[in-house]
């Protein structure tokens, strides 16, 4: 498997929660920098959260800090994005990335829609 497979997107009401999953069969996930990106209609793709393979430091964009949590399960080669207190402005297509945005592997994207 060369492309990560995402799941967990869908429709949720404002204030609700979703957990996105990204399966990484064939990878040694622990060796990869991982991240989540999103792209809303009319906007450029933006980084949401990432964690380094070197020191496990974690980054969150200001808009999601305190609400989203990135994690990884190395035993099952799966990465997650837990999204709490969702807002309509979180509506976007979400993409997982393994290995960096320039040369790494991308998921196909999963739609997250938050209604008011």
N, C-alpha and C. Protein backbone atom coordinates (compact mmCIF):
# COMPACT_ATOMS: atom_id res chain seq x y z
N UNK A 1 0.83 -1.18 0.00
CA UNK A 1 0.00 0.00 0.00
C UNK A 1 0.88 1.25 0.00
N UNK A 2 0.74 2.06 -1.04
CA UNK A 2 1.53 3.27 -1.18
C UNK A 2 0.78 4.52 -0.77
N UNK A 3 -0.54 4.46 -0.69
CA UNK A 3 -1.36 5.60 -0.30
C UNK A 3 -2.09 5.32 0.99
N UNK A 4 -1.92 6.17 2.00
CA UNK A 4 -2.69 6.00 3.23
C UNK A 4 -4.19 6.08 2.96
N UNK A 5 -4.96 5.38 3.77
CA UNK A 5 -6.41 5.32 3.61
C UNK A 5 -7.07 5.98 4.81
N UNK A 6 -7.90 6.99 4.53
CA UNK A 6 -8.55 7.77 5.57
C UNK A 6 -9.98 7.33 5.78
N UNK A 7 -10.48 7.55 6.99
CA UNK A 7 -11.87 7.30 7.30
C UNK A 7 -12.27 8.17 8.50
N UNK A 8 -13.56 8.25 8.76
CA UNK A 8 -14.06 8.95 9.93
C UNK A 8 -14.69 10.30 9.66
N UNK A 9 -14.63 10.78 8.43
CA UNK A 9 -15.28 12.03 8.11
C UNK A 9 -16.79 11.88 8.06
N UNK A 10 -17.47 13.01 7.97
CA UNK A 10 -18.91 12.99 7.92
C UNK A 10 -19.51 14.31 8.32
N UNK A 11 -20.80 14.27 8.64
CA UNK A 11 -21.56 15.44 9.03
C UNK A 11 -21.78 15.45 10.53
N UNK A 12 -21.49 16.57 11.16
CA UNK A 12 -21.67 16.69 12.60
C UNK A 12 -22.17 18.10 12.91
N UNK A 13 -22.93 18.22 13.98
CA UNK A 13 -23.44 19.51 14.40
C UNK A 13 -22.37 20.29 15.15
N UNK A 14 -22.46 21.60 15.09
CA UNK A 14 -21.53 22.45 15.82
C UNK A 14 -21.47 22.04 17.29
N UNK A 15 -20.24 21.94 17.81
CA UNK A 15 -20.03 21.50 19.17
C UNK A 15 -19.78 20.02 19.31
N UNK A 16 -19.99 19.26 18.26
CA UNK A 16 -19.79 17.83 18.29
C UNK A 16 -18.35 17.43 18.07
N UNK A 17 -18.14 16.12 17.95
CA UNK A 17 -16.79 15.57 17.83
C UNK A 17 -16.73 14.54 16.71
N UNK A 18 -15.56 14.42 16.13
CA UNK A 18 -15.24 13.38 15.16
C UNK A 18 -13.81 12.93 15.39
N UNK A 19 -13.52 11.69 15.02
CA UNK A 19 -12.17 11.19 15.02
C UNK A 19 -11.83 10.66 13.64
N UNK A 20 -10.84 11.26 13.02
CA UNK A 20 -10.36 10.82 11.73
C UNK A 20 -9.25 9.79 11.92
N UNK A 21 -9.25 8.76 11.08
CA UNK A 21 -8.23 7.73 11.11
C UNK A 21 -7.52 7.67 9.76
N UNK A 22 -6.27 7.30 9.79
CA UNK A 22 -5.47 7.17 8.58
C UNK A 22 -4.64 5.91 8.71
N UNK A 23 -5.00 4.89 7.95
CA UNK A 23 -4.29 3.61 8.00
C UNK A 23 -3.03 3.67 7.15
N UNK A 24 -2.00 3.01 7.64
CA UNK A 24 -0.69 3.10 7.01
C UNK A 24 -0.06 1.73 6.81
N UNK A 25 -0.80 0.81 6.28
CA UNK A 25 -0.28 -0.53 6.02
C UNK A 25 0.94 -0.46 5.11
N UNK A 26 1.96 -1.23 5.46
CA UNK A 26 3.19 -1.24 4.69
C UNK A 26 4.21 -0.22 5.13
N UNK A 27 3.84 0.62 6.07
CA UNK A 27 4.74 1.63 6.60
C UNK A 27 5.24 1.24 7.98
N UNK A 28 6.39 1.76 8.32
CA UNK A 28 6.83 1.77 9.71
C UNK A 28 6.51 3.16 10.23
N UNK A 29 5.31 3.30 10.77
CA UNK A 29 4.77 4.61 11.06
C UNK A 29 5.64 5.40 12.02
N UNK A 30 6.26 4.72 12.95
CA UNK A 30 7.09 5.39 13.94
C UNK A 30 8.23 6.17 13.31
N UNK A 31 8.65 5.80 12.10
CA UNK A 31 9.78 6.44 11.44
C UNK A 31 9.39 7.70 10.66
N UNK A 32 8.11 8.01 10.58
CA UNK A 32 7.62 9.09 9.74
C UNK A 32 7.12 10.28 10.54
N UNK A 33 7.48 11.46 10.06
CA UNK A 33 6.75 12.65 10.47
C UNK A 33 5.32 12.54 9.93
N UNK A 34 4.33 12.83 10.75
CA UNK A 34 2.95 12.71 10.34
C UNK A 34 2.24 14.05 10.52
N UNK A 35 1.18 14.23 9.73
CA UNK A 35 0.45 15.47 9.85
C UNK A 35 -0.93 15.38 9.22
N UNK A 36 -1.76 16.33 9.60
CA UNK A 36 -3.09 16.50 9.03
C UNK A 36 -3.20 17.88 8.41
N UNK A 37 -3.78 17.93 7.22
CA UNK A 37 -4.02 19.17 6.49
C UNK A 37 -5.49 19.25 6.14
N UNK A 38 -5.95 20.44 5.80
CA UNK A 38 -7.32 20.59 5.35
C UNK A 38 -7.42 21.67 4.29
N UNK A 39 -8.44 21.56 3.47
CA UNK A 39 -8.69 22.54 2.42
C UNK A 39 -10.18 22.83 2.36
N UNK A 40 -10.53 24.06 2.65
CA UNK A 40 -11.91 24.52 2.59
C UNK A 40 -12.18 25.12 1.21
N UNK A 41 -13.45 25.19 0.81
CA UNK A 41 -13.78 25.77 -0.49
C UNK A 41 -13.24 27.18 -0.64
N UNK A 42 -12.54 27.44 -1.74
CA UNK A 42 -12.00 28.75 -2.01
C UNK A 42 -10.73 29.10 -1.26
N UNK A 43 -10.19 28.16 -0.51
CA UNK A 43 -8.99 28.42 0.28
C UNK A 43 -7.88 27.44 -0.09
N UNK A 44 -6.65 27.82 0.24
CA UNK A 44 -5.51 26.95 0.03
C UNK A 44 -5.44 25.90 1.13
N UNK A 45 -4.76 24.81 0.82
CA UNK A 45 -4.55 23.78 1.81
C UNK A 45 -3.70 24.32 2.95
N UNK A 46 -4.11 24.03 4.17
CA UNK A 46 -3.40 24.52 5.33
C UNK A 46 -3.06 23.37 6.27
N UNK A 47 -1.95 23.53 6.97
CA UNK A 47 -1.58 22.56 7.98
C UNK A 47 -2.43 22.71 9.22
N UNK A 48 -2.89 21.60 9.75
CA UNK A 48 -3.70 21.58 10.95
C UNK A 48 -2.87 21.15 12.15
N UNK A 49 -2.17 20.03 11.99
CA UNK A 49 -1.37 19.49 13.08
C UNK A 49 -0.31 18.56 12.51
N UNK A 50 0.84 18.51 13.15
CA UNK A 50 1.87 17.56 12.75
C UNK A 50 2.75 17.24 13.94
N UNK A 51 3.41 16.10 13.85
CA UNK A 51 4.36 15.70 14.89
C UNK A 51 5.60 15.14 14.23
N UNK A 52 6.74 15.52 14.74
CA UNK A 52 8.02 15.19 14.13
C UNK A 52 8.44 13.77 14.45
N UNK A 53 9.07 13.11 13.47
CA UNK A 53 9.63 11.79 13.69
C UNK A 53 10.93 11.84 14.48
N UNK A 54 11.54 13.02 14.59
CA UNK A 54 12.83 13.15 15.24
C UNK A 54 12.71 13.26 16.75
N UNK A 55 11.87 14.17 17.21
CA UNK A 55 11.76 14.40 18.65
C UNK A 55 10.34 14.33 19.17
N UNK A 56 9.40 14.01 18.31
CA UNK A 56 7.98 13.87 18.66
C UNK A 56 7.36 15.19 19.12
N UNK A 57 7.98 16.30 18.74
CA UNK A 57 7.36 17.58 19.01
C UNK A 57 6.12 17.73 18.15
N UNK A 58 5.13 18.45 18.66
CA UNK A 58 3.83 18.53 18.03
C UNK A 58 3.46 19.98 17.76
N UNK A 59 2.87 20.21 16.61
CA UNK A 59 2.40 21.53 16.20
C UNK A 59 0.90 21.49 15.97
N UNK A 60 0.23 22.55 16.41
CA UNK A 60 -1.17 22.77 16.10
C UNK A 60 -1.36 24.19 15.59
N UNK A 61 -2.19 24.35 14.59
CA UNK A 61 -2.52 25.69 14.14
C UNK A 61 -3.32 26.40 15.23
N UNK A 62 -3.24 27.72 15.23
CA UNK A 62 -3.93 28.48 16.27
C UNK A 62 -5.43 28.23 16.27
N UNK A 63 -6.00 27.99 15.10
CA UNK A 63 -7.44 27.85 15.00
C UNK A 63 -7.96 26.56 15.63
N UNK A 64 -7.10 25.55 15.78
CA UNK A 64 -7.55 24.27 16.33
C UNK A 64 -6.93 23.94 17.68
N UNK A 65 -5.97 24.71 18.11
CA UNK A 65 -5.28 24.43 19.36
C UNK A 65 -6.27 24.38 20.52
N UNK A 66 -6.15 23.33 21.31
CA UNK A 66 -7.05 23.13 22.43
C UNK A 66 -8.29 22.34 22.10
N UNK A 67 -8.56 22.14 20.82
CA UNK A 67 -9.74 21.40 20.38
C UNK A 67 -9.39 20.10 19.66
N UNK A 68 -8.28 20.09 18.93
CA UNK A 68 -7.87 18.92 18.15
C UNK A 68 -6.66 18.27 18.80
N UNK A 69 -6.54 16.96 18.62
CA UNK A 69 -5.40 16.22 19.13
C UNK A 69 -4.93 15.22 18.09
N UNK A 70 -3.64 15.26 17.75
CA UNK A 70 -3.05 14.30 16.83
C UNK A 70 -2.42 13.18 17.64
N UNK A 71 -2.53 11.96 17.15
CA UNK A 71 -1.95 10.82 17.85
C UNK A 71 -1.61 9.73 16.83
N UNK A 72 -0.88 8.74 17.30
CA UNK A 72 -0.50 7.64 16.44
C UNK A 72 -0.47 6.34 17.23
N UNK A 73 -0.84 5.26 16.58
CA UNK A 73 -0.79 3.93 17.14
C UNK A 73 0.18 3.14 16.28
N UNK A 74 1.43 3.09 16.70
CA UNK A 74 2.46 2.46 15.89
C UNK A 74 2.23 0.96 15.72
N UNK A 75 1.67 0.31 16.72
CA UNK A 75 1.44 -1.13 16.63
C UNK A 75 0.46 -1.46 15.51
N UNK A 76 -0.50 -0.58 15.26
CA UNK A 76 -1.50 -0.80 14.22
C UNK A 76 -1.28 0.06 12.99
N UNK A 77 -0.17 0.79 12.94
CA UNK A 77 0.16 1.64 11.79
C UNK A 77 -0.99 2.56 11.42
N UNK A 78 -1.50 3.26 12.41
CA UNK A 78 -2.63 4.15 12.21
C UNK A 78 -2.39 5.48 12.92
N UNK A 79 -2.74 6.57 12.26
CA UNK A 79 -2.69 7.89 12.87
C UNK A 79 -4.10 8.45 12.97
N UNK A 80 -4.29 9.35 13.94
CA UNK A 80 -5.62 9.86 14.25
C UNK A 80 -5.61 11.37 14.41
N UNK A 81 -6.77 11.95 14.17
CA UNK A 81 -7.02 13.33 14.53
C UNK A 81 -8.35 13.38 15.28
N UNK A 82 -8.27 13.59 16.58
CA UNK A 82 -9.46 13.75 17.41
C UNK A 82 -9.88 15.20 17.36
N UNK A 83 -11.11 15.46 16.94
CA UNK A 83 -11.62 16.81 16.77
C UNK A 83 -12.81 17.00 17.69
N UNK A 84 -12.66 17.90 18.65
CA UNK A 84 -13.71 18.22 19.60
C UNK A 84 -14.16 19.66 19.42
N UNK A 85 -15.32 19.97 19.96
CA UNK A 85 -15.87 21.32 19.89
C UNK A 85 -15.83 21.87 18.48
N UNK A 86 -16.31 21.10 17.55
CA UNK A 86 -16.23 21.47 16.14
C UNK A 86 -17.07 22.70 15.83
N UNK A 87 -16.56 23.49 14.91
CA UNK A 87 -17.20 24.72 14.48
C UNK A 87 -17.47 24.66 12.99
N UNK A 88 -18.44 25.43 12.50
CA UNK A 88 -18.69 25.44 11.05
C UNK A 88 -17.46 25.78 10.22
N UNK A 89 -16.58 26.62 10.74
CA UNK A 89 -15.38 26.98 10.01
C UNK A 89 -14.37 25.85 9.90
N UNK A 90 -14.60 24.74 10.60
CA UNK A 90 -13.77 23.55 10.45
C UNK A 90 -14.16 22.73 9.23
N UNK A 91 -15.24 23.08 8.58
CA UNK A 91 -15.69 22.36 7.39
C UNK A 91 -14.62 22.41 6.31
N UNK A 92 -14.20 21.24 5.84
CA UNK A 92 -13.14 21.16 4.85
C UNK A 92 -12.94 19.70 4.47
N UNK A 93 -12.13 19.48 3.44
CA UNK A 93 -11.61 18.16 3.15
C UNK A 93 -10.31 18.00 3.91
N UNK A 94 -10.20 16.94 4.67
CA UNK A 94 -9.03 16.70 5.50
C UNK A 94 -8.16 15.62 4.89
N UNK A 95 -6.84 15.87 4.89
CA UNK A 95 -5.87 14.97 4.30
C UNK A 95 -4.83 14.58 5.34
N UNK A 96 -4.48 13.31 5.39
CA UNK A 96 -3.36 12.89 6.21
C UNK A 96 -2.10 12.82 5.35
N UNK A 97 -0.97 13.02 6.01
CA UNK A 97 0.32 13.00 5.34
C UNK A 97 1.33 12.25 6.19
N UNK A 98 2.14 11.46 5.53
CA UNK A 98 3.22 10.74 6.18
C UNK A 98 4.51 11.00 5.42
N UNK A 99 5.49 11.55 6.11
CA UNK A 99 6.79 11.78 5.51
C UNK A 99 7.05 13.19 5.04
N UNK A 100 6.13 14.11 5.28
CA UNK A 100 6.31 15.50 4.89
C UNK A 100 5.50 15.87 3.67
N UNK A 101 5.18 17.15 3.57
CA UNK A 101 4.28 17.62 2.52
C UNK A 101 4.92 17.55 1.14
N UNK A 102 6.23 17.71 1.04
CA UNK A 102 6.88 17.78 -0.26
C UNK A 102 7.07 16.42 -0.90
N UNK A 103 7.56 15.45 -0.15
CA UNK A 103 7.93 14.15 -0.72
C UNK A 103 7.22 12.97 -0.07
N UNK A 104 6.35 13.24 0.86
CA UNK A 104 5.71 12.17 1.60
C UNK A 104 4.50 11.59 0.91
N UNK A 105 3.76 10.80 1.65
CA UNK A 105 2.59 10.11 1.15
C UNK A 105 1.32 10.80 1.64
N UNK A 106 0.34 10.93 0.75
CA UNK A 106 -0.91 11.63 1.04
C UNK A 106 -2.09 10.68 0.98
N UNK A 107 -3.03 10.89 1.89
CA UNK A 107 -4.31 10.23 1.79
C UNK A 107 -5.18 10.88 0.73
N UNK A 108 -6.30 10.25 0.42
CA UNK A 108 -7.17 10.72 -0.65
C UNK A 108 -8.07 11.87 -0.21
N UNK A 109 -8.17 12.11 1.07
CA UNK A 109 -9.02 13.16 1.61
C UNK A 109 -10.36 12.63 2.08
N UNK A 110 -10.85 13.19 3.17
CA UNK A 110 -12.16 12.84 3.69
C UNK A 110 -12.90 14.12 4.08
N UNK A 111 -14.16 14.19 3.72
CA UNK A 111 -14.96 15.40 3.93
C UNK A 111 -15.46 15.48 5.36
N UNK A 112 -15.25 16.63 5.97
CA UNK A 112 -15.82 16.95 7.28
C UNK A 112 -16.71 18.16 7.12
N UNK A 113 -17.97 18.02 7.49
CA UNK A 113 -18.94 19.10 7.39
C UNK A 113 -19.55 19.35 8.76
N UNK A 114 -19.47 20.58 9.22
CA UNK A 114 -20.00 20.97 10.53
C UNK A 114 -21.14 21.94 10.30
N UNK A 115 -22.31 21.56 10.73
CA UNK A 115 -23.49 22.41 10.57
C UNK A 115 -23.67 23.29 11.79
N UNK A 116 -24.35 24.41 11.60
CA UNK A 116 -24.59 25.33 12.70
C UNK A 116 -25.86 25.01 13.45
